[in-house]
mmCIF file of all heavy atoms, coordinates in Angstrom:
data_MODEL
# 
_entry.id   MODEL 
# 
loop_
_atom_site.group_PDB 
_atom_site.id 
_atom_site.type_symbol 
_atom_site.label_atom_id 
_atom_site.label_alt_id 
_atom_site.label_comp_id 
_atom_site.label_asym_id 
_atom_site.label_entity_id 
_atom_site.label_seq_id 
_atom_site.pdbx_PDB_ins_code 
_atom_site.Cartn_x 
_atom_site.Cartn_y 
_atom_site.Cartn_z 
_atom_site.occupancy 
_atom_site.B_iso_or_equiv 
_atom_site.pdbx_formal_charge 
_atom_site.auth_seq_id 
_atom_site.auth_comp_id 
_atom_site.auth_asym_id 
_atom_site.auth_atom_id 
_atom_site.pdbx_PDB_model_num 
ATOM 1   N N   . ASN A 1 1  ? -10.724 -12.908 11.282  1.00 0.00 ? 1  ASN A N   1 
ATOM 2   C CA  . ASN A 1 1  ? -10.247 -12.927 9.884   1.00 0.00 ? 1  ASN A CA  1 
ATOM 3   C C   . ASN A 1 1  ? -10.404 -11.566 9.250   1.00 0.00 ? 1  ASN A C   1 
ATOM 4   O O   . ASN A 1 1  ? -9.551  -11.102 8.461   1.00 0.00 ? 1  ASN A O   1 
ATOM 5   C CB  . ASN A 1 1  ? -10.992 -13.981 9.075   1.00 0.00 ? 1  ASN A CB  1 
ATOM 6   C CG  . ASN A 1 1  ? -10.641 -15.406 9.520   1.00 0.00 ? 1  ASN A CG  1 
ATOM 7   O OD1 . ASN A 1 1  ? -9.547  -15.633 10.084  1.00 0.00 ? 1  ASN A OD1 1 
ATOM 8   N ND2 . ASN A 1 1  ? -11.513 -16.355 9.241   1.00 0.00 ? 1  ASN A ND2 1 
ATOM 9   N N   . ARG A 1 2  ? -11.521 -10.915 9.548   1.00 0.00 ? 2  ARG A N   1 
ATOM 10  C CA  . ARG A 1 2  ? -11.768 -9.598  8.965   1.00 0.00 ? 2  ARG A CA  1 
ATOM 11  C C   . ARG A 1 2  ? -10.734 -8.596  9.469   1.00 0.00 ? 2  ARG A C   1 
ATOM 12  O O   . ARG A 1 2  ? -10.249 -7.755  8.691   1.00 0.00 ? 2  ARG A O   1 
ATOM 13  C CB  . ARG A 1 2  ? -13.183 -9.137  9.310   1.00 0.00 ? 2  ARG A CB  1 
ATOM 14  C CG  . ARG A 1 2  ? -13.535 -7.803  8.665   1.00 0.00 ? 2  ARG A CG  1 
ATOM 15  C CD  . ARG A 1 2  ? -14.964 -7.445  8.962   1.00 0.00 ? 2  ARG A CD  1 
ATOM 16  N NE  . ARG A 1 2  ? -15.858 -8.363  8.285   1.00 0.00 ? 2  ARG A NE  1 
ATOM 17  C CZ  . ARG A 1 2  ? -17.186 -8.292  8.367   1.00 0.00 ? 2  ARG A CZ  1 
ATOM 18  N NH1 . ARG A 1 2  ? -17.742 -7.343  9.099   1.00 0.00 ? 2  ARG A NH1 1 
ATOM 19  N NH2 . ARG A 1 2  ? -17.926 -9.175  7.724   1.00 0.00 ? 2  ARG A NH2 1 
ATOM 20  N N   . LYS A 1 3  ? -10.371 -8.680  10.727  1.00 0.00 ? 3  LYS A N   1 
ATOM 21  C CA  . LYS A 1 3  ? -9.360  -7.775  11.269  1.00 0.00 ? 3  LYS A CA  1 
ATOM 22  C C   . LYS A 1 3  ? -8.009  -7.991  10.573  1.00 0.00 ? 3  LYS A C   1 
ATOM 23  O O   . LYS A 1 3  ? -7.296  -7.042  10.246  1.00 0.00 ? 3  LYS A O   1 
ATOM 24  C CB  . LYS A 1 3  ? -9.203  -8.003  12.782  1.00 0.00 ? 3  LYS A CB  1 
ATOM 25  C CG  . LYS A 1 3  ? -10.347 -7.458  13.604  1.00 0.00 ? 3  LYS A CG  1 
ATOM 26  C CD  . LYS A 1 3  ? -10.128 -7.724  15.088  1.00 0.00 ? 3  LYS A CD  1 
ATOM 27  C CE  . LYS A 1 3  ? -11.272 -7.175  15.918  1.00 0.00 ? 3  LYS A CE  1 
ATOM 28  N NZ  . LYS A 1 3  ? -11.045 -7.433  17.353  1.00 0.00 ? 3  LYS A NZ  1 
ATOM 29  N N   . ALA A 1 4  ? -7.684  -9.304  10.343  1.00 0.00 ? 4  ALA A N   1 
ATOM 30  C CA  . ALA A 1 4  ? -6.403  -9.609  9.669   1.00 0.00 ? 4  ALA A CA  1 
ATOM 31  C C   . ALA A 1 4  ? -6.388  -9.057  8.241   1.00 0.00 ? 4  ALA A C   1 
ATOM 32  O O   . ALA A 1 4  ? -5.391  -8.509  7.758   1.00 0.00 ? 4  ALA A O   1 
ATOM 33  C CB  . ALA A 1 4  ? -6.182  -11.119 9.672   1.00 0.00 ? 4  ALA A CB  1 
ATOM 34  N N   . ASP A 1 5  ? -7.568  -9.230  7.564   1.00 0.00 ? 5  ASP A N   1 
ATOM 35  C CA  . ASP A 1 5  ? -7.691  -8.724  6.185   1.00 0.00 ? 5  ASP A CA  1 
ATOM 36  C C   . ASP A 1 5  ? -7.566  -7.220  6.158   1.00 0.00 ? 5  ASP A C   1 
ATOM 37  O O   . ASP A 1 5  ? -6.897  -6.649  5.262   1.00 0.00 ? 5  ASP A O   1 
ATOM 38  C CB  . ASP A 1 5  ? -9.038  -9.154  5.587   1.00 0.00 ? 5  ASP A CB  1 
ATOM 39  C CG  . ASP A 1 5  ? -9.096  -10.658 5.343   1.00 0.00 ? 5  ASP A CG  1 
ATOM 40  O OD1 . ASP A 1 5  ? -8.042  -11.306 5.311   1.00 0.00 ? 5  ASP A OD1 1 
ATOM 41  O OD2 . ASP A 1 5  ? -10.246 -11.187 5.212   1.00 0.00 ? 5  ASP A OD2 1 
ATOM 42  N N   . GLU A 1 6  ? -8.193  -6.544  7.116   1.00 0.00 ? 6  GLU A N   1 
ATOM 43  C CA  . GLU A 1 6  ? -8.141  -5.094  7.165   1.00 0.00 ? 6  GLU A CA  1 
ATOM 44  C C   . GLU A 1 6  ? -6.707  -4.627  7.409   1.00 0.00 ? 6  GLU A C   1 
ATOM 45  O O   . GLU A 1 6  ? -6.246  -3.628  6.826   1.00 0.00 ? 6  GLU A O   1 
ATOM 46  C CB  . GLU A 1 6  ? -9.072  -4.574  8.276   1.00 0.00 ? 6  GLU A CB  1 
ATOM 47  C CG  . GLU A 1 6  ? -10.542 -4.703  7.930   1.00 0.00 ? 6  GLU A CG  1 
ATOM 48  C CD  . GLU A 1 6  ? -11.437 -4.225  9.063   1.00 0.00 ? 6  GLU A CD  1 
ATOM 49  O OE1 . GLU A 1 6  ? -10.909 -3.939  10.178  1.00 0.00 ? 6  GLU A OE1 1 
ATOM 50  O OE2 . GLU A 1 6  ? -12.687 -4.148  8.856   1.00 0.00 ? 6  GLU A OE2 1 
ATOM 51  N N   . ALA A 1 7  ? -5.996  -5.361  8.262   1.00 0.00 ? 7  ALA A N   1 
ATOM 52  C CA  . ALA A 1 7  ? -4.581  -5.000  8.538   1.00 0.00 ? 7  ALA A CA  1 
ATOM 53  C C   . ALA A 1 7  ? -3.707  -5.175  7.284   1.00 0.00 ? 7  ALA A C   1 
ATOM 54  O O   . ALA A 1 7  ? -2.850  -4.329  6.965   1.00 0.00 ? 7  ALA A O   1 
ATOM 55  C CB  . ALA A 1 7  ? -4.067  -5.866  9.691   1.00 0.00 ? 7  ALA A CB  1 
ATOM 56  N N   . ALA A 1 8  ? -3.955  -6.273  6.546   1.00 0.00 ? 8  ALA A N   1 
ATOM 57  C CA  . ALA A 1 8  ? -3.190  -6.539  5.321   1.00 0.00 ? 8  ALA A CA  1 
ATOM 58  C C   . ALA A 1 8  ? -3.474  -5.474  4.277   1.00 0.00 ? 8  ALA A C   1 
ATOM 59  O O   . ALA A 1 8  ? -2.562  -5.000  3.570   1.00 0.00 ? 8  ALA A O   1 
ATOM 60  C CB  . ALA A 1 8  ? -3.543  -7.926  4.802   1.00 0.00 ? 8  ALA A CB  1 
ATOM 61  N N   . ILE A 1 9  ? -4.795  -5.088  4.158   1.00 0.00 ? 9  ILE A N   1 
ATOM 62  C CA  . ILE A 1 9  ? -5.177  -4.062  3.196   1.00 0.00 ? 9  ILE A CA  1 
ATOM 63  C C   . ILE A 1 9  ? -4.523  -2.739  3.555   1.00 0.00 ? 9  ILE A C   1 
ATOM 64  O O   . ILE A 1 9  ? -4.006  -2.006  2.683   1.00 0.00 ? 9  ILE A O   1 
ATOM 65  C CB  . ILE A 1 9  ? -6.717  -3.927  3.161   1.00 0.00 ? 9  ILE A CB  1 
ATOM 66  C CG1 . ILE A 1 9  ? -7.345  -5.187  2.531   1.00 0.00 ? 9  ILE A CG1 1 
ATOM 67  C CG2 . ILE A 1 9  ? -7.144  -2.686  2.392   1.00 0.00 ? 9  ILE A CG2 1 
ATOM 68  C CD1 . ILE A 1 9  ? -8.853  -5.263  2.647   1.00 0.00 ? 9  ILE A CD1 1 
ATOM 69  N N   . THR A 1 10 ? -4.510  -2.440  4.832   1.00 0.00 ? 10 THR A N   1 
ATOM 70  C CA  . THR A 1 10 ? -3.902  -1.186  5.283   1.00 0.00 ? 10 THR A CA  1 
ATOM 71  C C   . THR A 1 10 ? -2.402  -1.170  4.931   1.00 0.00 ? 10 THR A C   1 
ATOM 72  O O   . THR A 1 10 ? -1.848  -0.157  4.437   1.00 0.00 ? 10 THR A O   1 
ATOM 73  C CB  . THR A 1 10 ? -4.094  -1.029  6.804   1.00 0.00 ? 10 THR A CB  1 
ATOM 74  O OG1 . THR A 1 10 ? -5.520  -1.013  7.095   1.00 0.00 ? 10 THR A OG1 1 
ATOM 75  C CG2 . THR A 1 10 ? -3.473  0.272   7.291   1.00 0.00 ? 10 THR A CG2 1 
ATOM 76  N N   . GLU A 1 11 ? -1.762  -2.309  5.171   1.00 0.00 ? 11 GLU A N   1 
ATOM 77  C CA  . GLU A 1 11 ? -0.323  -2.413  4.885   1.00 0.00 ? 11 GLU A CA  1 
ATOM 78  C C   . GLU A 1 11 ? -0.061  -2.269  3.387   1.00 0.00 ? 11 GLU A C   1 
ATOM 79  O O   . GLU A 1 11 ? 0.870   -1.536  2.966   1.00 0.00 ? 11 GLU A O   1 
ATOM 80  C CB  . GLU A 1 11 ? 0.194   -3.765  5.387   1.00 0.00 ? 11 GLU A CB  1 
ATOM 81  C CG  . GLU A 1 11 ? 1.707   -3.904  5.191   1.00 0.00 ? 11 GLU A CG  1 
ATOM 82  C CD  . GLU A 1 11 ? 2.206   -5.240  5.694   1.00 0.00 ? 11 GLU A CD  1 
ATOM 83  O OE1 . GLU A 1 11 ? 1.370   -6.049  6.250   1.00 0.00 ? 11 GLU A OE1 1 
ATOM 84  O OE2 . GLU A 1 11 ? 3.408   -5.516  5.560   1.00 0.00 ? 11 GLU A OE2 1 
ATOM 85  N N   . LEU A 1 12 ? -0.830  -2.907  2.549   1.00 0.00 ? 12 LEU A N   1 
ATOM 86  C CA  . LEU A 1 12 ? -0.671  -2.812  1.094   1.00 0.00 ? 12 LEU A CA  1 
ATOM 87  C C   . LEU A 1 12 ? -0.935  -1.403  0.614   1.00 0.00 ? 12 LEU A C   1 
ATOM 88  O O   . LEU A 1 12 ? -0.274  -0.904  -0.303  1.00 0.00 ? 12 LEU A O   1 
ATOM 89  C CB  . LEU A 1 12 ? -1.607  -3.800  0.385   1.00 0.00 ? 12 LEU A CB  1 
ATOM 90  C CG  . LEU A 1 12 ? -1.248  -5.287  0.555   1.00 0.00 ? 12 LEU A CG  1 
ATOM 91  C CD1 . LEU A 1 12 ? -2.337  -6.161  -0.050  1.00 0.00 ? 12 LEU A CD1 1 
ATOM 92  C CD2 . LEU A 1 12 ? 0.105   -5.589  -0.113  1.00 0.00 ? 12 LEU A CD2 1 
ATOM 93  N N   . THR A 1 13 ? -1.975  -0.750  1.211   1.00 0.00 ? 13 THR A N   1 
ATOM 94  C CA  . THR A 1 13 ? -2.300  0.618   0.828   1.00 0.00 ? 13 THR A CA  1 
ATOM 95  C C   . THR A 1 13 ? -1.122  1.538   1.120   1.00 0.00 ? 13 THR A C   1 
ATOM 96  O O   . THR A 1 13 ? -0.791  2.434   0.321   1.00 0.00 ? 13 THR A O   1 
ATOM 97  C CB  . THR A 1 13 ? -3.541  1.097   1.588   1.00 0.00 ? 13 THR A CB  1 
ATOM 98  O OG1 . THR A 1 13 ? -4.637  0.228   1.296   1.00 0.00 ? 13 THR A OG1 1 
ATOM 99  C CG2 . THR A 1 13 ? -3.922  2.524   1.192   1.00 0.00 ? 13 THR A CG2 1 
ATOM 100 N N   . GLN A 1 14 ? -0.512  1.330   2.267   1.00 0.00 ? 14 GLN A N   1 
ATOM 101 C CA  . GLN A 1 14 ? 0.634   2.154   2.639   1.00 0.00 ? 14 GLN A CA  1 
ATOM 102 C C   . GLN A 1 14 ? 1.781   1.935   1.654   1.00 0.00 ? 14 GLN A C   1 
ATOM 103 O O   . GLN A 1 14 ? 2.456   2.897   1.225   1.00 0.00 ? 14 GLN A O   1 
ATOM 104 C CB  . GLN A 1 14 ? 1.084   1.814   4.071   1.00 0.00 ? 14 GLN A CB  1 
ATOM 105 C CG  . GLN A 1 14 ? 0.070   2.275   5.126   1.00 0.00 ? 14 GLN A CG  1 
ATOM 106 C CD  . GLN A 1 14 ? 0.460   1.828   6.517   1.00 0.00 ? 14 GLN A CD  1 
ATOM 107 O OE1 . GLN A 1 14 ? 1.434   1.004   6.691   1.00 0.00 ? 14 GLN A OE1 1 
ATOM 108 N NE2 . GLN A 1 14 ? -0.248  2.373   7.517   1.00 0.00 ? 14 GLN A NE2 1 
ATOM 109 N N   . LYS A 1 15 ? 2.028   0.661   1.292   1.00 0.00 ? 15 LYS A N   1 
ATOM 110 C CA  . LYS A 1 15 ? 3.107   0.356   0.349   1.00 0.00 ? 15 LYS A CA  1 
ATOM 111 C C   . LYS A 1 15 ? 2.822   0.978   -1.009  1.00 0.00 ? 15 LYS A C   1 
ATOM 112 O O   . LYS A 1 15 ? 3.729   1.505   -1.677  1.00 0.00 ? 15 LYS A O   1 
ATOM 113 C CB  . LYS A 1 15 ? 3.269   -1.161  0.215   1.00 0.00 ? 15 LYS A CB  1 
ATOM 114 C CG  . LYS A 1 15 ? 3.892   -1.794  1.446   1.00 0.00 ? 15 LYS A CG  1 
ATOM 115 C CD  . LYS A 1 15 ? 4.024   -3.305  1.244   1.00 0.00 ? 15 LYS A CD  1 
ATOM 116 C CE  . LYS A 1 15 ? 4.688   -3.962  2.456   1.00 0.00 ? 15 LYS A CE  1 
ATOM 117 N NZ  . LYS A 1 15 ? 4.895   -5.401  2.269   1.00 0.00 ? 15 LYS A NZ  1 
ATOM 118 N N   . LEU A 1 16 ? 1.583   0.894   -1.440  1.00 0.00 ? 16 LEU A N   1 
ATOM 119 C CA  . LEU A 1 16 ? 1.208   1.462   -2.734  1.00 0.00 ? 16 LEU A CA  1 
ATOM 120 C C   . LEU A 1 16 ? 1.404   2.968   -2.722  1.00 0.00 ? 16 LEU A C   1 
ATOM 121 O O   . LEU A 1 16 ? 1.857   3.541   -3.724  1.00 0.00 ? 16 LEU A O   1 
ATOM 122 C CB  . LEU A 1 16 ? -0.259  1.091   -3.052  1.00 0.00 ? 16 LEU A CB  1 
ATOM 123 C CG  . LEU A 1 16 ? -0.792  1.623   -4.362  1.00 0.00 ? 16 LEU A CG  1 
ATOM 124 C CD1 . LEU A 1 16 ? 0.062   1.070   -5.554  1.00 0.00 ? 16 LEU A CD1 1 
ATOM 125 C CD2 . LEU A 1 16 ? -2.262  1.242   -4.534  1.00 0.00 ? 16 LEU A CD2 1 
ATOM 126 N N   . THR A 1 17 ? 1.067   3.571   -1.641  1.00 0.00 ? 17 THR A N   1 
ATOM 127 C CA  . THR A 1 17 ? 1.217   5.037   -1.537  1.00 0.00 ? 17 THR A CA  1 
ATOM 128 C C   . THR A 1 17 ? 2.678   5.412   -1.664  1.00 0.00 ? 17 THR A C   1 
ATOM 129 O O   . THR A 1 17 ? 3.033   6.405   -2.339  1.00 0.00 ? 17 THR A O   1 
ATOM 130 C CB  . THR A 1 17 ? 0.650   5.517   -0.193  1.00 0.00 ? 17 THR A CB  1 
ATOM 131 O OG1 . THR A 1 17 ? -0.743  5.164   -0.117  1.00 0.00 ? 17 THR A OG1 1 
ATOM 132 C CG2 . THR A 1 17 ? 0.772   7.022   -0.054  1.00 0.00 ? 17 THR A CG2 1 
ATOM 133 N N   . LEU A 1 18 ? 3.548   4.622   -1.035  1.00 0.00 ? 18 LEU A N   1 
ATOM 134 C CA  . LEU A 1 18 ? 4.981   4.891   -1.114  1.00 0.00 ? 18 LEU A CA  1 
ATOM 135 C C   . LEU A 1 18 ? 5.474   4.729   -2.545  1.00 0.00 ? 18 LEU A C   1 
ATOM 136 O O   . LEU A 1 18 ? 6.318   5.491   -3.026  1.00 0.00 ? 18 LEU A O   1 
ATOM 137 C CB  . LEU A 1 18 ? 5.724   3.932   -0.173  1.00 0.00 ? 18 LEU A CB  1 
ATOM 138 C CG  . LEU A 1 18 ? 5.508   4.199   1.341   1.00 0.00 ? 18 LEU A CG  1 
ATOM 139 C CD1 . LEU A 1 18 ? 6.226   3.120   2.143   1.00 0.00 ? 18 LEU A CD1 1 
ATOM 140 C CD2 . LEU A 1 18 ? 6.065   5.579   1.737   1.00 0.00 ? 18 LEU A CD2 1 
ATOM 141 N N   . LEU A 1 19 ? 4.926   3.694   -3.192  1.00 0.00 ? 19 LEU A N   1 
ATOM 142 C CA  . LEU A 1 19 ? 5.338   3.448   -4.565  1.00 0.00 ? 19 LEU A CA  1 
ATOM 143 C C   . LEU A 1 19 ? 4.903   4.583   -5.463  1.00 0.00 ? 19 LEU A C   1 
ATOM 144 O O   . LEU A 1 19 ? 5.655   5.017   -6.378  1.00 0.00 ? 19 LEU A O   1 
ATOM 145 C CB  . LEU A 1 19 ? 4.774   2.123   -5.078  1.00 0.00 ? 19 LEU A CB  1 
ATOM 146 C CG  . LEU A 1 19 ? 5.390   0.862   -4.457  1.00 0.00 ? 19 LEU A CG  1 
ATOM 147 C CD1 . LEU A 1 19 ? 4.656   -0.360  -4.928  1.00 0.00 ? 19 LEU A CD1 1 
ATOM 148 C CD2 . LEU A 1 19 ? 6.895   0.749   -4.865  1.00 0.00 ? 19 LEU A CD2 1 
ATOM 149 N N   . LEU A 1 20 ? 3.744   5.060   -5.301  1.00 0.00 ? 20 LEU A N   1 
ATOM 150 C CA  . LEU A 1 20 ? 3.238   6.142   -6.137  1.00 0.00 ? 20 LEU A CA  1 
ATOM 151 C C   . LEU A 1 20 ? 4.027   7.435   -5.909  1.00 0.00 ? 20 LEU A C   1 
ATOM 152 O O   . LEU A 1 20 ? 4.116   8.273   -6.810  1.00 0.00 ? 20 LEU A O   1 
ATOM 153 C CB  . LEU A 1 20 ? 1.735   6.360   -5.856  1.00 0.00 ? 20 LEU A CB  1 
ATOM 154 C CG  . LEU A 1 20 ? 0.810   5.232   -6.339  1.00 0.00 ? 20 LEU A CG  1 
ATOM 155 C CD1 . LEU A 1 20 ? -0.610  5.518   -5.879  1.00 0.00 ? 20 LEU A CD1 1 
ATOM 156 C CD2 . LEU A 1 20 ? 0.871   5.127   -7.845  1.00 0.00 ? 20 LEU A CD2 1 
ATOM 157 N N   . ASP A 1 21 ? 4.539   7.537   -4.748  1.00 0.00 ? 21 ASP A N   1 
ATOM 158 C CA  . ASP A 1 21 ? 5.333   8.742   -4.463  1.00 0.00 ? 21 ASP A CA  1 
ATOM 159 C C   . ASP A 1 21 ? 6.720   8.664   -5.140  1.00 0.00 ? 21 ASP A C   1 
ATOM 160 O O   . ASP A 1 21 ? 7.403   9.678   -5.292  1.00 0.00 ? 21 ASP A O   1 
ATOM 161 C CB  . ASP A 1 21 ? 5.488   8.898   -2.944  1.00 0.00 ? 21 ASP A CB  1 
ATOM 162 C CG  . ASP A 1 21 ? 4.186   9.313   -2.307  1.00 0.00 ? 21 ASP A CG  1 
ATOM 163 O OD1 . ASP A 1 21 ? 3.239   9.843   -3.008  1.00 0.00 ? 21 ASP A OD1 1 
ATOM 164 O OD2 . ASP A 1 21 ? 3.998   9.118   -1.071  1.00 0.00 ? 21 ASP A OD2 1 
ATOM 165 N N   . ASP A 1 22 ? 7.105   7.464   -5.572  1.00 0.00 ? 22 ASP A N   1 
ATOM 166 C CA  . ASP A 1 22 ? 8.419   7.270   -6.201  1.00 0.00 ? 22 ASP A CA  1 
ATOM 167 C C   . ASP A 1 22 ? 8.317   7.773   -7.649  1.00 0.00 ? 22 ASP A C   1 
ATOM 168 O O   . ASP A 1 22 ? 7.465   7.337   -8.411  1.00 0.00 ? 22 ASP A O   1 
ATOM 169 C CB  . ASP A 1 22 ? 8.800   5.784   -6.177  1.00 0.00 ? 22 ASP A CB  1 
ATOM 170 C CG  . ASP A 1 22 ? 10.267  5.583   -6.604  1.00 0.00 ? 22 ASP A CG  1 
ATOM 171 O OD1 . ASP A 1 22 ? 10.839  6.474   -7.268  1.00 0.00 ? 22 ASP A OD1 1 
ATOM 172 O OD2 . ASP A 1 22 ? 10.782  4.527   -6.269  1.00 0.00 ? 22 ASP A OD2 1 
ATOM 173 N N   . LYS A 1 23 ? 9.237   8.726   -8.041  1.00 0.00 ? 23 LYS A N   1 
ATOM 174 C CA  . LYS A 1 23 ? 9.200   9.360   -9.370  1.00 0.00 ? 23 LYS A CA  1 
ATOM 175 C C   . LYS A 1 23 ? 9.506   8.370   -10.463 1.00 0.00 ? 23 LYS A C   1 
ATOM 176 O O   . LYS A 1 23 ? 8.973   8.477   -11.558 1.00 0.00 ? 23 LYS A O   1 
ATOM 177 C CB  . LYS A 1 23 ? 10.199  10.502  -9.447  1.00 0.00 ? 23 LYS A CB  1 
ATOM 178 C CG  . LYS A 1 23 ? 9.796   11.679  -8.536  1.00 0.00 ? 23 LYS A CG  1 
ATOM 179 C CD  . LYS A 1 23 ? 10.791  12.791  -8.655  1.00 0.00 ? 23 LYS A CD  1 
ATOM 180 C CE  . LYS A 1 23 ? 10.400  13.979  -7.818  1.00 0.00 ? 23 LYS A CE  1 
ATOM 181 N NZ  . LYS A 1 23 ? 11.331  15.112  -7.972  1.00 0.00 ? 23 LYS A NZ  1 
ATOM 182 N N   . LYS A 1 24 ? 10.331  7.408   -10.210 1.00 0.00 ? 24 LYS A N   1 
ATOM 183 C CA  . LYS A 1 24 ? 10.645  6.411   -11.218 1.00 0.00 ? 24 LYS A CA  1 
ATOM 184 C C   . LYS A 1 24 ? 9.406   5.637   -11.546 1.00 0.00 ? 24 LYS A C   1 
ATOM 185 O O   . LYS A 1 24 ? 9.155   5.356   -12.735 1.00 0.00 ? 24 LYS A O   1 
ATOM 186 C CB  . LYS A 1 24 ? 11.724  5.440   -10.705 1.00 0.00 ? 24 LYS A CB  1 
ATOM 187 C CG  . LYS A 1 24 ? 13.096  6.106   -10.557 1.00 0.00 ? 24 LYS A CG  1 
ATOM 188 C CD  . LYS A 1 24 ? 14.101  5.092   -10.044 1.00 0.00 ? 24 LYS A CD  1 
ATOM 189 C CE  . LYS A 1 24 ? 15.518  5.708   -9.914  1.00 0.00 ? 24 LYS A CE  1 
ATOM 190 N NZ  . LYS A 1 24 ? 16.537  4.769   -9.464  1.00 0.00 ? 24 LYS A NZ  1 
ATOM 191 N N   . ILE A 1 25 ? 8.679   5.310   -10.593 1.00 0.00 ? 25 ILE A N   1 
ATOM 192 C CA  . ILE A 1 25 ? 7.440   4.551   -10.795 1.00 0.00 ? 25 ILE A CA  1 
ATOM 193 C C   . ILE A 1 25 ? 6.444   5.396   -11.546 1.00 0.00 ? 25 ILE A C   1 
ATOM 194 O O   . ILE A 1 25 ? 5.723   4.902   -12.412 1.00 0.00 ? 25 ILE A O   1 
ATOM 195 C CB  . ILE A 1 25 ? 6.858   4.086   -9.441  1.00 0.00 ? 25 ILE A CB  1 
ATOM 196 C CG1 . ILE A 1 25 ? 7.805   3.107   -8.726  1.00 0.00 ? 25 ILE A CG1 1 
ATOM 197 C CG2 . ILE A 1 25 ? 5.498   3.393   -9.619  1.00 0.00 ? 25 ILE A CG2 1 
ATOM 198 C CD1 . ILE A 1 25 ? 8.136   1.848   -9.495  1.00 0.00 ? 25 ILE A CD1 1 
ATOM 199 N N   . GLN A 1 26 ? 6.423   6.676   -11.262 1.00 0.00 ? 26 GLN A N   1 
ATOM 200 C CA  . GLN A 1 26 ? 5.478   7.570   -11.952 1.00 0.00 ? 26 GLN A CA  1 
ATOM 201 C C   . GLN A 1 26 ? 5.791   7.632   -13.422 1.00 0.00 ? 26 GLN A C   1 
ATOM 202 O O   . GLN A 1 26 ? 4.881   7.654   -14.261 1.00 0.00 ? 26 GLN A O   1 
ATOM 203 C CB  . GLN A 1 26 ? 5.543   8.992   -11.341 1.00 0.00 ? 26 GLN A CB  1 
ATOM 204 C CG  . GLN A 1 26 ? 4.961   9.048   -9.930  1.00 0.00 ? 26 GLN A CG  1 
ATOM 205 C CD  . GLN A 1 26 ? 5.064   10.438  -9.330  1.00 0.00 ? 26 GLN A CD  1 
ATOM 206 O OE1 . GLN A 1 26 ? 5.713   11.359  -9.936  1.00 0.00 ? 26 GLN A OE1 1 
ATOM 207 N NE2 . GLN A 1 26 ? 4.466   10.569  -8.118  1.00 0.00 ? 26 GLN A NE2 1 
ATOM 208 N N   . LYS A 1 27 ? 7.116   7.684   -13.789 1.00 0.00 ? 27 LYS A N   1 
ATOM 209 C CA  . LYS A 1 27 ? 7.516   7.729   -15.185 1.00 0.00 ? 27 LYS A CA  1 
ATOM 210 C C   . LYS A 1 27 ? 7.104   6.448   -15.881 1.00 0.00 ? 27 LYS A C   1 
ATOM 211 O O   . LYS A 1 27 ? 6.652   6.482   -17.039 1.00 0.00 ? 27 LYS A O   1 
ATOM 212 C CB  . LYS A 1 27 ? 9.024   7.925   -15.330 1.00 0.00 ? 27 LYS A CB  1 
ATOM 213 C CG  . LYS A 1 27 ? 9.479   9.340   -14.944 1.00 0.00 ? 27 LYS A CG  1 
ATOM 214 C CD  . LYS A 1 27 ? 10.999  9.457   -15.087 1.00 0.00 ? 27 LYS A CD  1 
ATOM 215 C CE  . LYS A 1 27 ? 11.514  10.857  -14.722 1.00 0.00 ? 27 LYS A CE  1 
ATOM 216 N NZ  . LYS A 1 27 ? 12.977  11.024  -14.881 1.00 0.00 ? 27 LYS A NZ  1 
# 
């Protein structure tokens, strides 16, 4: 379960990073 949670967190972190890189989102 911990491995699955870590994988999900990693995936969300990556998505969040992409979102933050989006200028529209920054505005």
